[in-house]
C-alpha cells in the first residue's frame, strides 16, 4: 500500500504520493539538470538513488548552490554503471523503495553514442515494469516530437544541422512513450524545456503554447520533481514545453513563496 502526504502551499493543498522514506531514482544525475534534481530532492528530505558513469562527478549544482562540490548525504545512494546495461539499472530498483524516476540523460553524441537516450530510457522502462514503478519524468528539449514549431528560428537551424543526430535520438526516446511504445502505459511526463541556463531558480515556470524562451535548470528540476511527488500532477501523459521567459499560458506559481509550508 502506498501512502500519501499532504503539502499545504499558498497556491493550494497538494497530495504527495509517498512518505519521504520512499526514494526517487535519478538517471543522468551528474548532468547539469540531473544535479539540480538530486540536490532539490535531498533538500526536501527525499532519498535519491542515482546511477552514474562516474559518481565522482555528482556535484552540487551551480544554480541552486553557487558552487560545485561533491555531494555527500546519508539519503543519497550512488551506483556506478551504464544506463544502457540492464543489470546496472536494476541495481537501482532492487531495494524496493523507488516511488518514481527522473530521466535527464545527455552528453555529446561522440562520447555516448547516437542512440544512448533511446536505449537507456528503454532499459529504465523495462526495470520500472519489473519492479512495478509507474511514475516517470523525462527531460528532452523544446523542438523534440511535435514541438518543432515552438523552437526559436536559430535553434531550428541547429536541429536540422549539427544537432540532427541528437534530435533523432530525442524523438525516438519520446516515442517510447507517445507513439504506442513500451512505456505508453506508465504515468509519464515528457518535459520539454526552452533554452537552458545555470542561473538561480526563479520559481517562474510557464507551460507554453508559443515560442519558448529560456529557463533555469533549477526550475526544470522543480517541475520534474512535481511530476513525481504530486499525486494529481496535471501533465501526466502529456508533453509540456516549459519556459520562464515568454510563453502564452501561465499555469501555476511554483515560486518559493507559493511553496511556503510544503513539507516535501
C-alpha atoms as a PDB file:
ATOM      1  CA  UNK A   1       0.000   0.000   0.000  1.00  0.00           C
ATOM      2  CA  UNK A   2       1.384   3.398  -0.993  1.00  0.00           C
ATOM      3  CA  UNK A   3       0.718   6.258   1.384  1.00  0.00           C
ATOM      4  CA  UNK A   4       0.020   9.917   0.665  1.00  0.00           C
ATOM      5  CA  UNK A   5       1.224  13.083   2.323  1.00  0.00           C
ATOM      6  CA  UNK A   6      -0.498  16.447   2.044  1.00  0.00           C
ATOM      7  CA  UNK A   7       1.566  19.558   1.373  1.00  0.00           C
ATOM      8  CA  UNK A   8      -0.101  22.895   2.014  1.00  0.00           C
ATOM      9  CA  UNK A   9       1.124  25.829  -0.054  1.00  0.00           C
ATOM     10  CA  UNK A  10      -0.074  29.332  -0.778  1.00  0.00           C
ATOM     11  CA  UNK A  11      -1.335  28.008  -4.101  1.00  0.00           C
ATOM     12  CA  UNK A  12      -3.317  25.183  -2.554  1.00  0.00           C
ATOM     13  CA  UNK A  13      -3.054  21.769  -0.974  1.00  0.00           C
ATOM     14  CA  UNK A  14      -1.344  19.047  -2.973  1.00  0.00           C
ATOM     15  CA  UNK A  15      -1.376  15.322  -2.307  1.00  0.00           C
ATOM     16  CA  UNK A  16       2.134  13.918  -2.272  1.00  0.00           C
ATOM     17  CA  UNK A  17       2.440  10.374  -3.469  1.00  0.00           C
ATOM     18  CA  UNK A  18       4.782   8.869  -0.874  1.00  0.00           C
ATOM     19  CA  UNK A  19       6.374   9.385   2.511  1.00  0.00           C
ATOM     20  CA  UNK A  20       9.972  10.536   2.428  1.00  0.00           C
ATOM     21  CA  UNK A  21      11.173   7.013   3.236  1.00  0.00           C
ATOM     22  CA  UNK A  22      10.427   6.204  -0.391  1.00  0.00           C
ATOM     23  CA  UNK A  23      13.112   7.163  -2.878  1.00  0.00           C
ATOM     24  CA  UNK A  24      13.335   8.713  -6.325  1.00  0.00           C
ATOM     25  CA  UNK A  25      15.721   7.263  -8.901  1.00  0.00           C
ATOM     26  CA  UNK A  26      17.638   9.789 -10.986  1.00  0.00           C
ATOM     27  CA  UNK A  27      19.290   8.755 -14.243  1.00  0.00           C
ATOM     28  CA  UNK A  28      21.655  11.397 -15.574  1.00  0.00           C
ATOM     29  CA  UNK A  29      22.360  12.684 -12.063  1.00  0.00           C
ATOM     30  CA  UNK A  30      25.826  14.020 -12.934  1.00  0.00           C
ATOM     31  CA  UNK A  31      24.481  16.275 -15.694  1.00  0.00           C
ATOM     32  CA  UNK A  32      23.628  19.903 -15.021  1.00  0.00           C
ATOM     33  CA  UNK A  33      19.879  19.287 -14.765  1.00  0.00           C
ATOM     34  CA  UNK A  34      20.307  15.955 -13.001  1.00  0.00           C
ATOM     35  CA  UNK A  35      22.431  17.626 -10.323  1.00  0.00           C
ATOM     36  CA  UNK A  36      19.604  20.078  -9.691  1.00  0.00           C
ATOM     37  CA  UNK A  37      17.074  17.249  -9.420  1.00  0.00           C
ATOM     38  CA  UNK A  38      19.297  15.368  -6.978  1.00  0.00           C
ATOM     39  CA  UNK A  39      20.028  18.448  -4.861  1.00  0.00           C
ATOM     40  CA  UNK A  40      16.416  19.592  -4.636  1.00  0.00           C
ATOM     41  CA  UNK A  41      15.123  16.139  -3.762  1.00  0.00           C
ATOM     42  CA  UNK A  42      17.685  15.824  -0.966  1.00  0.00           C
ATOM     43  CA  UNK A  43      16.797  19.310   0.266  1.00  0.00           C
ATOM     44  CA  UNK A  44      13.201  18.123   0.601  1.00  0.00           C
ATOM     45  CA  UNK A  45      14.322  15.076   2.555  1.00  0.00           C
ATOM     46  CA  UNK A  46      13.602  12.633  -0.265  1.00  0.00           C
ATOM     47  CA  UNK A  47      16.136   9.793  -0.634  1.00  0.00           C
ATOM     48  CA  UNK A  48      17.785   9.625  -4.062  1.00  0.00           C
ATOM     49  CA  UNK A  49      19.166   6.603  -5.892  1.00  0.00           C
ATOM     50  CA  UNK A  50      21.480   7.819  -8.650  1.00  0.00           C
ATOM     51  CA  UNK A  51      23.118   5.756 -11.390  1.00  0.00           C
ATOM     52  CA  UNK A  52      26.295   7.453 -12.657  1.00  0.00           C
ATOM     53  CA  UNK A  53      29.018   6.564 -15.117  1.00  0.00           C
ATOM     54  CA  UNK A  54      31.361   8.387 -12.730  1.00  0.00           C
ATOM     55  CA  UNK A  55      29.931   9.022  -9.220  1.00  0.00           C
ATOM     56  CA  UNK A  56      32.780  11.481  -8.538  1.00  0.00           C
ATOM     57  CA  UNK A  57      31.061  13.877 -10.948  1.00  0.00           C
ATOM     58  CA  UNK A  58      27.885  14.074  -8.879  1.00  0.00           C
ATOM     59  CA  UNK A  59      28.384  17.629  -7.651  1.00  0.00           C
ATOM     60  CA  UNK A  60      26.208  20.316  -6.132  1.00  0.00           C
ATOM     61  CA  UNK A  61      24.519  22.470  -8.808  1.00  0.00           C
ATOM     62  CA  UNK A  62      25.753  25.961  -9.549  1.00  0.00           C
ATOM     63  CA  UNK A  63      22.239  27.334  -9.974  1.00  0.00           C
ATOM     64  CA  UNK A  64      20.863  26.407  -6.568  1.00  0.00           C
ATOM     65  CA  UNK A  65      24.076  26.455  -4.524  1.00  0.00           C
ATOM     66  CA  UNK A  66      26.524  28.705  -6.385  1.00  0.00           C
ATOM     67  CA  UNK A  67      29.278  26.103  -6.107  1.00  0.00           C
ATOM     68  CA  UNK A  68      30.313  22.700  -7.361  1.00  0.00           C
ATOM     69  CA  UNK A  69      31.263  20.311  -4.568  1.00  0.00           C
ATOM     70  CA  UNK A  70      30.996  16.557  -4.202  1.00  0.00           C
ATOM     71  CA  UNK A  71      27.565  15.637  -2.847  1.00  0.00           C
ATOM     72  CA  UNK A  72      27.659  13.649   0.364  1.00  0.00           C
ATOM     73  CA  UNK A  73      24.332  12.904   2.038  1.00  0.00           C
ATOM     74  CA  UNK A  74      23.082   9.944   4.026  1.00  0.00           C
ATOM     75  CA  UNK A  75      19.967   9.894   1.839  1.00  0.00           C
ATOM     76  CA  UNK A  76      21.981   9.689  -1.401  1.00  0.00           C
ATOM     77  CA  UNK A  77      22.758   6.247  -2.798  1.00  0.00           C
ATOM     78  CA  UNK A  78      25.220   6.258  -5.694  1.00  0.00           C
ATOM     79  CA  UNK A  79      25.563   3.409  -8.170  1.00  0.00           C
ATOM     80  CA  UNK A  80      28.338   3.193 -10.747  1.00  0.00           C
ATOM     81  CA  UNK A  81      27.239   1.872 -14.100  1.00  0.00           C
ATOM     82  CA  UNK A  82      25.709   2.484 -17.510  1.00  0.00           C
ATOM     83  CA  UNK A  83      22.083   3.300 -18.196  1.00  0.00           C
ATOM     84  CA  UNK A  84      22.171   1.021 -21.233  1.00  0.00           C
ATOM     85  CA  UNK A  85      23.105  -2.039 -19.152  1.00  0.00           C
ATOM     86  CA  UNK A  86      20.069  -3.772 -17.650  1.00  0.00           C
ATOM     87  CA  UNK A  87      21.992  -5.208 -14.692  1.00  0.00           C
ATOM     88  CA  UNK A  88      23.322  -1.763 -13.742  1.00  0.00           C
ATOM     89  CA  UNK A  89      19.897  -0.147 -13.978  1.00  0.00           C
ATOM     90  CA  UNK A  90      18.166  -2.877 -11.992  1.00  0.00           C
ATOM     91  CA  UNK A  91      20.581  -2.364  -9.082  1.00  0.00           C
ATOM     92  CA  UNK A  92      18.912   0.994  -8.507  1.00  0.00           C
ATOM     93  CA  UNK A  93      15.490  -0.635  -8.048  1.00  0.00           C
ATOM     94  CA  UNK A  94      16.460  -3.725  -6.046  1.00  0.00           C
ATOM     95  CA  UNK A  95      15.812  -2.078  -2.668  1.00  0.00           C
ATOM     96  CA  UNK A  96      12.111  -1.973  -3.482  1.00  0.00           C
ATOM     97  CA  UNK A  97      11.605   1.627  -2.294  1.00  0.00           C
ATOM     98  CA  UNK A  98      11.722   3.548  -5.594  1.00  0.00           C
ATOM     99  CA  UNK A  99       8.489   5.514  -5.975  1.00  0.00           C
ATOM    100  CA  UNK A 100       9.335   7.458  -9.133  1.00  0.00           C
ATOM    101  CA  UNK A 101      12.023   8.069 -11.725  1.00  0.00           C
ATOM    102  CA  UNK A 102      13.589  11.159 -13.293  1.00  0.00           C
ATOM    103  CA  UNK A 103      15.419  10.615 -16.580  1.00  0.00           C
ATOM    104  CA  UNK A 104      17.693  13.505 -17.500  1.00  0.00           C
ATOM    105  CA  UNK A 105      20.190  11.916 -19.841  1.00  0.00           C
ATOM    106  CA  UNK A 106      22.625  13.827 -22.008  1.00  0.00           C
ATOM    107  CA  UNK A 107      26.134  14.046 -23.330  1.00  0.00           C
ATOM    108  CA  UNK A 108      27.845  14.565 -26.652  1.00  0.00           C
ATOM    109  CA  UNK A 109      26.936  12.001 -29.274  1.00  0.00           C
ATOM    110  CA  UNK A 110      30.606  11.275 -29.955  1.00  0.00           C
ATOM    111  CA  UNK A 111      31.021  10.338 -26.285  1.00  0.00           C
ATOM    112  CA  UNK A 112      27.803   8.436 -25.543  1.00  0.00           C
ATOM    113  CA  UNK A 113      26.771   7.168 -28.961  1.00  0.00           C
ATOM    114  CA  UNK A 114      23.898   8.085 -31.312  1.00  0.00           C
ATOM    115  CA  UNK A 115      21.176   6.040 -29.565  1.00  0.00           C
ATOM    116  CA  UNK A 116      22.037   6.318 -25.858  1.00  0.00           C
ATOM    117  CA  UNK A 117      18.930   8.346 -24.953  1.00  0.00           C
ATOM    118  CA  UNK A 118      16.590   5.834 -26.559  1.00  0.00           C
ATOM    119  CA  UNK A 119      18.464   2.723 -25.468  1.00  0.00           C
ATOM    120  CA  UNK A 120      18.979   3.963 -21.914  1.00  0.00           C
ATOM    121  CA  UNK A 121      15.377   5.047 -21.499  1.00  0.00           C
ATOM    122  CA  UNK A 122      14.135   1.699 -22.825  1.00  0.00           C
ATOM    123  CA  UNK A 123      16.337  -0.049 -20.259  1.00  0.00           C
ATOM    124  CA  UNK A 124      14.894   2.084 -17.454  1.00  0.00           C
ATOM    125  CA  UNK A 125      11.340   1.398 -18.630  1.00  0.00           C
ATOM    126  CA  UNK A 126      11.994  -2.347 -18.524  1.00  0.00           C
ATOM    127  CA  UNK A 127      13.309  -2.080 -14.957  1.00  0.00           C
ATOM    128  CA  UNK A 128      10.357   0.081 -13.891  1.00  0.00           C
ATOM    129  CA  UNK A 129       7.945  -2.552 -15.151  1.00  0.00           C
ATOM    130  CA  UNK A 130       9.882  -5.341 -13.468  1.00  0.00           C
ATOM    131  CA  UNK A 131       9.736  -3.538 -10.116  1.00  0.00           C
ATOM    132  CA  UNK A 132       6.231  -2.067 -10.578  1.00  0.00           C
ATOM    133  CA  UNK A 133       7.249   1.603 -10.609  1.00  0.00           C
ATOM    134  CA  UNK A 134       4.787   3.776 -12.525  1.00  0.00           C
ATOM    135  CA  UNK A 135       5.711   7.483 -12.347  1.00  0.00           C
ATOM    136  CA  UNK A 136       8.483   8.924 -14.551  1.00  0.00           C
ATOM    137  CA  UNK A 137       9.544  12.388 -15.718  1.00  0.00           C
ATOM    138  CA  UNK A 138      11.714  12.511 -18.836  1.00  0.00           C
ATOM    139  CA  UNK A 139      13.646  15.660 -19.773  1.00  0.00           C
ATOM    140  CA  UNK A 140      14.023  16.107 -23.522  1.00  0.00           C
ATOM    141  CA  UNK A 141      14.014  19.505 -25.270  1.00  0.00           C
ATOM    142  CA  UNK A 142      11.955  22.144 -26.956  1.00  0.00           C
ATOM    143  CA  UNK A 143      11.839  21.143 -30.613  1.00  0.00           C
ATOM    144  CA  UNK A 144      11.501  17.430 -29.908  1.00  0.00           C
ATOM    145  CA  UNK A 145       8.464  15.472 -31.052  1.00  0.00           C
ATOM    146  CA  UNK A 146       5.616  17.718 -32.164  1.00  0.00           C
ATOM    147  CA  UNK A 147       7.137  20.883 -30.622  1.00  0.00           C
ATOM    148  CA  UNK A 148       9.390  21.780 -33.566  1.00  0.00           C
ATOM    149  CA  UNK A 149       7.478  24.985 -34.276  1.00  0.00           C
ATOM    150  CA  UNK A 150       7.962  26.161 -30.694  1.00  0.00           C
ATOM    151  CA  UNK A 151      11.733  26.333 -31.102  1.00  0.00           C
ATOM    152  CA  UNK A 152      13.291  29.710 -31.961  1.00  0.00           C
ATOM    153  CA  UNK A 153      14.419  30.065 -35.582  1.00  0.00           C
ATOM    154  CA  UNK A 154      18.150  29.753 -34.940  1.00  0.00           C
ATOM    155  CA  UNK A 155      17.610  26.698 -32.758  1.00  0.00           C
ATOM    156  CA  UNK A 156      15.607  25.093 -35.572  1.00  0.00           C
ATOM    157  CA  UNK A 157      18.611  25.586 -37.847  1.00  0.00           C
ATOM    158  CA  UNK A 158      20.818  23.778 -35.330  1.00  0.00           C
ATOM    159  CA  UNK A 159      18.254  20.983 -35.012  1.00  0.00           C
ATOM    160  CA  UNK A 160      18.429  20.379 -38.743  1.00  0.00           C
ATOM    161  CA  UNK A 161      22.229  20.540 -38.966  1.00  0.00           C
ATOM    162  CA  UNK A 162      24.780  19.991 -36.187  1.00  0.00           C
ATOM    163  CA  UNK A 163      22.165  18.705 -33.724  1.00  0.00           C
ATOM    164  CA  UNK A 164      20.269  16.450 -36.128  1.00  0.00           C
ATOM    165  CA  UNK A 165      21.666  13.229 -34.668  1.00  0.00           C
ATOM    166  CA  UNK A 166      20.826  14.119 -31.067  1.00  0.00           C
ATOM    167  CA  UNK A 167      17.297  15.149 -32.066  1.00  0.00           C
ATOM    168  CA  UNK A 168      16.751  11.871 -33.878  1.00  0.00           C
ATOM    169  CA  UNK A 169      17.667  10.187 -30.610  1.00  0.00           C
ATOM    170  CA  UNK A 170      15.419  12.520 -28.572  1.00  0.00           C
ATOM    171  CA  UNK A 171      12.482  11.904 -30.906  1.00  0.00           C
ATOM    172  CA  UNK A 172      12.930   8.155 -30.649  1.00  0.00           C
ATOM    173  CA  UNK A 173      13.258   8.478 -26.869  1.00  0.00           C
ATOM    174  CA  UNK A 174       9.926  10.315 -26.670  1.00  0.00           C
ATOM    175  CA  UNK A 175       8.290   7.784 -28.984  1.00  0.00           C
ATOM    176  CA  UNK A 176       8.869   5.105 -26.339  1.00  0.00           C
ATOM    177  CA  UNK A 177       6.001   6.815 -24.505  1.00  0.00           C
ATOM    178  CA  UNK A 178       3.985   8.818 -27.013  1.00  0.00           C
ATOM    179  CA  UNK A 179       3.719   6.600 -30.089  1.00  0.00           C
ATOM    180  CA  UNK A 180       2.409   3.426 -28.521  1.00  0.00           C
ATOM    181  CA  UNK A 181       5.882   2.478 -27.325  1.00  0.00           C
ATOM    182  CA  UNK A 182       6.847   0.204 -24.476  1.00  0.00           C
ATOM    183  CA  UNK A 183       6.349   2.972 -21.887  1.00  0.00           C
ATOM    184  CA  UNK A 184       2.907   4.080 -23.037  1.00  0.00           C
ATOM    185  CA  UNK A 185       1.127   2.614 -20.010  1.00  0.00           C
ATOM    186  CA  UNK A 186       3.353   4.313 -17.422  1.00  0.00           C
ATOM    187  CA  UNK A 187       2.473   7.565 -15.643  1.00  0.00           C
ATOM    188  CA  UNK A 188       4.906   9.577 -17.732  1.00  0.00           C
ATOM    189  CA  UNK A 189       5.541  13.263 -18.230  1.00  0.00           C
ATOM    190  CA  UNK A 190       7.851  14.353 -21.023  1.00  0.00           C
ATOM    191  CA  UNK A 191       9.342  17.723 -20.064  1.00  0.00           C
ATOM    192  CA  UNK A 192      10.488  19.924 -22.957  1.00  0.00           C
ATOM    193  CA  UNK A 193      12.395  22.931 -21.590  1.00  0.00           C
ATOM    194  CA  UNK A 194      13.324  26.008 -23.568  1.00  0.00           C
ATOM    195  CA  UNK A 195      16.847  27.427 -23.593  1.00  0.00           C
ATOM    196  CA  UNK A 196      18.578  26.046 -20.504  1.00  0.00           C
ATOM    197  CA  UNK A 197      20.632  28.201 -18.141  1.00  0.00           C
ATOM    198  CA  UNK A 198      22.534  27.532 -14.910  1.00  0.00           C
ATOM    199  CA  UNK A 199      21.110  30.600 -13.176  1.00  0.00           C
ATOM    200  CA  UNK A 200      19.487  30.626  -9.753  1.00  0.00           C
ATOM    201  CA  UNK A 201      15.922  29.253  -9.650  1.00  0.00           C
ATOM    202  CA  UNK A 202      13.328  31.899 -10.467  1.00  0.00           C
ATOM    203  CA  UNK A 203      10.274  29.945  -9.323  1.00  0.00           C
ATOM    204  CA  UNK A 204       8.552  31.016 -12.555  1.00  0.00           C
ATOM    205  CA  UNK A 205       7.537  28.145 -14.820  1.00  0.00           C
ATOM    206  CA  UNK A 206       5.235  28.728 -17.781  1.00  0.00           C
ATOM    207  CA  UNK A 207       3.770  25.836 -19.715  1.00  0.00           C
ATOM    208  CA  UNK A 208       3.730  27.422 -23.128  1.00  0.00           C
ATOM    209  CA  UNK A 209       1.997  27.035 -26.447  1.00  0.00           C
ATOM    210  CA  UNK A 210       4.077  29.517 -28.430  1.00  0.00           C
ATOM    211  CA  UNK A 211       7.787  30.001 -28.967  1.00  0.00           C
ATOM    212  CA  UNK A 212       9.934  29.039 -25.990  1.00  0.00           C
ATOM    213  CA  UNK A 213      12.190  31.378 -24.070  1.00  0.00           C
ATOM    214  CA  UNK A 214      14.840  30.434 -21.530  1.00  0.00           C
ATOM    215  CA  UNK A 215      14.541  28.609 -18.217  1.00  0.00           C
ATOM    216  CA  UNK A 216      16.953  27.820 -15.399  1.00  0.00           C
ATOM    217  CA  UNK A 217      17.814  24.158 -14.957  1.00  0.00           C
ATOM    218  CA  UNK A 218      16.844  24.594 -11.309  1.00  0.00           C
ATOM    219  CA  UNK A 219      13.290  25.433 -12.380  1.00  0.00           C
ATOM    220  CA  UNK A 220      13.206  22.463 -14.745  1.00  0.00           C
ATOM    221  CA  UNK A 221      14.196  20.246 -11.819  1.00  0.00           C
ATOM    222  CA  UNK A 222      11.395  21.730  -9.685  1.00  0.00           C
ATOM    223  CA  UNK A 223       8.878  20.874 -12.398  1.00  0.00           C
ATOM    224  CA  UNK A 224      10.203  17.320 -12.760  1.00  0.00           C
ATOM    225  CA  UNK A 225      10.044  16.758  -9.018  1.00  0.00           C
ATOM    226  CA  UNK A 226       6.457  17.962  -9.015  1.00  0.00           C
ATOM    227  CA  UNK A 227       5.698  15.409 -11.721  1.00  0.00           C
ATOM    228  CA  UNK A 228       6.982  12.662  -9.418  1.00  0.00           C
ATOM    229  CA  UNK A 229       5.792  13.775  -5.981  1.00  0.00           C
ATOM    230  CA  UNK A 230       2.403  15.360  -6.702  1.00  0.00           C
ATOM    231  CA  UNK A 231      -0.352  12.755  -6.912  1.00  0.00           C
ATOM    232  CA  UNK A 232      -2.560  14.857  -9.187  1.00  0.00           C
ATOM    233  CA  UNK A 233       0.153  16.495 -11.278  1.00  0.00           C
ATOM    234  CA  UNK A 234      -1.746  17.947 -14.258  1.00  0.00           C
ATOM    235  CA  UNK A 235       0.689  16.934 -17.016  1.00  0.00           C
ATOM    236  CA  UNK A 236       0.797  13.159 -16.646  1.00  0.00           C
ATOM    237  CA  UNK A 237       0.876  11.501 -20.083  1.00  0.00           C
ATOM    238  CA  UNK A 238       1.461  14.935 -21.608  1.00  0.00           C
ATOM    239  CA  UNK A 239       4.424  16.711 -23.186  1.00  0.00           C
ATOM    240  CA  UNK A 240       4.580  20.223 -21.696  1.00  0.00           C
ATOM    241  CA  UNK A 241       7.019  22.779 -23.084  1.00  0.00           C
ATOM    242  CA  UNK A 242       8.240  24.956 -20.223  1.00  0.00           C
ATOM    243  CA  UNK A 243       9.888  28.358 -20.105  1.00  0.00           C
ATOM    244  CA  UNK A 244      10.405  31.144 -17.589  1.00  0.00           C
ATOM    245  CA  UNK A 245      10.733  33.887 -20.210  1.00  0.00           C
ATOM    246  CA  UNK A 246       7.881  34.460 -22.634  1.00  0.00           C
ATOM    247  CA  UNK A 247       5.193  31.931 -23.239  1.00  0.00           C
ATOM    248  CA  UNK A 248       1.474  32.155 -23.699  1.00  0.00           C
ATOM    249  CA  UNK A 249      -0.010  30.066 -20.897  1.00  0.00           C
ATOM    250  CA  UNK A 250       0.553  30.725 -17.202  1.00  0.00           C
ATOM    251  CA  UNK A 251      -0.228  27.599 -15.227  1.00  0.00           C
ATOM    252  CA  UNK A 252       0.988  27.752 -11.645  1.00  0.00           C
ATOM    253  CA  UNK A 253       3.084  29.941  -9.395  1.00  0.00           C
ATOM    254  CA  UNK A 254       5.773  27.493  -8.232  1.00  0.00           C
ATOM    255  CA  UNK A 255       7.870  30.184  -6.552  1.00  0.00           C
ATOM    256  CA  UNK A 256       9.361  29.834  -3.088  1.00  0.00           C
ATOM    257  CA  UNK A 257       6.556  31.971  -1.668  1.00  0.00           C
ATOM    258  CA  UNK A 258       3.930  29.673  -3.161  1.00  0.00           C
ATOM    259  CA  UNK A 259       5.669  26.632  -1.732  1.00  0.00           C
ATOM    260  CA  UNK A 260       5.835  28.044   1.791  1.00  0.00           C
ATOM    261  CA  UNK A 261       4.875  25.346   4.228  1.00  0.00           C
ATOM    262  CA  UNK A 262       5.486  22.436   1.860  1.00  0.00           C
ATOM    263  CA  UNK A 263       6.914  19.510   3.769  1.00  0.00           C
ATOM    264  CA  UNK A 264       8.355  17.526   0.860  1.00  0.00           C
END
